[in-house]
Amino acid sequence: MSASPNHANSNAAIELQAHDLPAHCPNPSMPLWSSHPRVYLDLSHGGAATCPYCGTLYKLAAGTVLKPH
């Protein structure tokens, strides 16, 4: 993950690289007090997804390619 904000609901998106996939929230950089149930995010449609619990936006870094399963 990039050096993006360490808390949920920030204005900036959390940028993900291929090694960060599968994407999930909360992510390892989030403080324990802000935890919610882990949810996996589908970035295959448009390269971005928003956590349904906390609203954190995750997006793929430019040039990151999703590998088919």
Protein backbone atom coordinates (compact mmCIF):
# COMPACT_ATOMS: atom_id res chain seq x y z
CA MET A 1 0.00 0.00 0.00
CA SER A 2 1.13 3.50 -0.60
CA ALA A 3 1.94 5.99 2.10
CA SER A 4 -1.66 7.14 2.03
CA PRO A 5 -3.62 8.16 5.12
CA ASN A 6 -3.72 5.78 8.05
CA HIS A 7 -7.34 6.31 8.93
CA ALA A 8 -10.74 5.65 7.43
CA ASN A 9 -12.87 8.22 5.65
CA SER A 10 -9.92 10.30 4.52
CA ASN A 11 -10.30 12.41 1.41
CA ALA A 12 -7.37 10.69 -0.32
CA ALA A 13 -7.72 7.23 -1.81
CA ILE A 14 -5.54 4.38 -0.65
CA GLU A 15 -3.49 3.35 -3.66
CA LEU A 16 -2.85 -0.36 -4.09
CA GLN A 17 -0.12 -2.21 -5.95
CA ALA A 18 -0.38 -5.77 -7.29
CA HIS A 19 1.30 -7.17 -4.14
CA ASP A 20 -1.48 -5.62 -1.99
CA LEU A 21 -4.16 -7.78 -3.61
CA PRO A 22 -6.61 -9.17 -2.75
CA ALA A 23 -7.76 -5.80 -1.41
CA HIS A 24 -9.48 -5.74 1.95
CA CYS A 25 -10.60 -3.27 4.56
CA PRO A 26 -9.66 -2.56 7.26
CA ASN A 27 -6.12 -2.51 5.96
CA PRO A 28 -3.01 -3.18 8.07
CA SER A 29 -2.22 0.52 8.48
CA MET A 30 -5.56 1.33 10.12
CA PRO A 31 -5.58 1.67 13.90
CA LEU A 32 -7.22 -1.11 15.86
CA TRP A 33 -9.82 1.22 17.39
CA SER A 34 -11.30 1.89 13.95
CA SER A 35 -11.70 -1.78 13.03
CA HIS A 36 -14.80 -3.29 11.51
CA PRO A 37 -15.40 -6.75 10.03
CA ARG A 38 -12.98 -7.51 7.20
CA VAL A 39 -14.49 -7.09 3.78
CA TYR A 40 -12.78 -7.95 0.50
CA LEU A 41 -13.09 -5.36 -2.24
CA ASP A 42 -13.65 -5.99 -5.96
CA LEU A 43 -11.40 -3.69 -7.97
CA SER A 44 -12.01 -5.42 -11.30
CA HIS A 45 -14.65 -2.91 -12.43
CA GLY A 46 -12.97 0.44 -12.92
CA GLY A 47 -9.99 -0.17 -10.64
CA ALA A 48 -11.58 1.36 -7.54
CA ALA A 49 -13.86 0.33 -4.68
CA THR A 50 -15.27 1.90 -1.53
CA CYS A 51 -15.52 0.06 1.77
CA PRO A 52 -19.20 -0.38 2.67
CA TYR A 53 -18.42 -0.05 6.39
CA CYS A 54 -16.17 3.00 6.68
CA GLY A 55 -16.25 4.59 3.23
CA THR A 56 -12.51 4.35 2.60
CA LEU A 57 -11.74 4.54 -1.11
CA TYR A 58 -9.22 2.07 -2.54
CA LYS A 59 -7.85 2.31 -6.06
CA LEU A 60 -5.26 0.55 -8.15
CA ALA A 61 -2.04 2.44 -8.78
CA ALA A 62 -1.48 3.56 -12.36
CA GLY A 63 -0.15 0.69 -14.46
CA THR A 64 -1.24 -2.04 -12.02
CA VAL A 65 -2.66 -5.01 -13.90
CA LEU A 66 -5.13 -7.46 -12.37
CA LYS A 67 -4.30 -11.06 -13.12
CA PRO A 68 -7.20 -13.34 -14.05
CA HIS A 69 -7.99 -16.13 -11.61
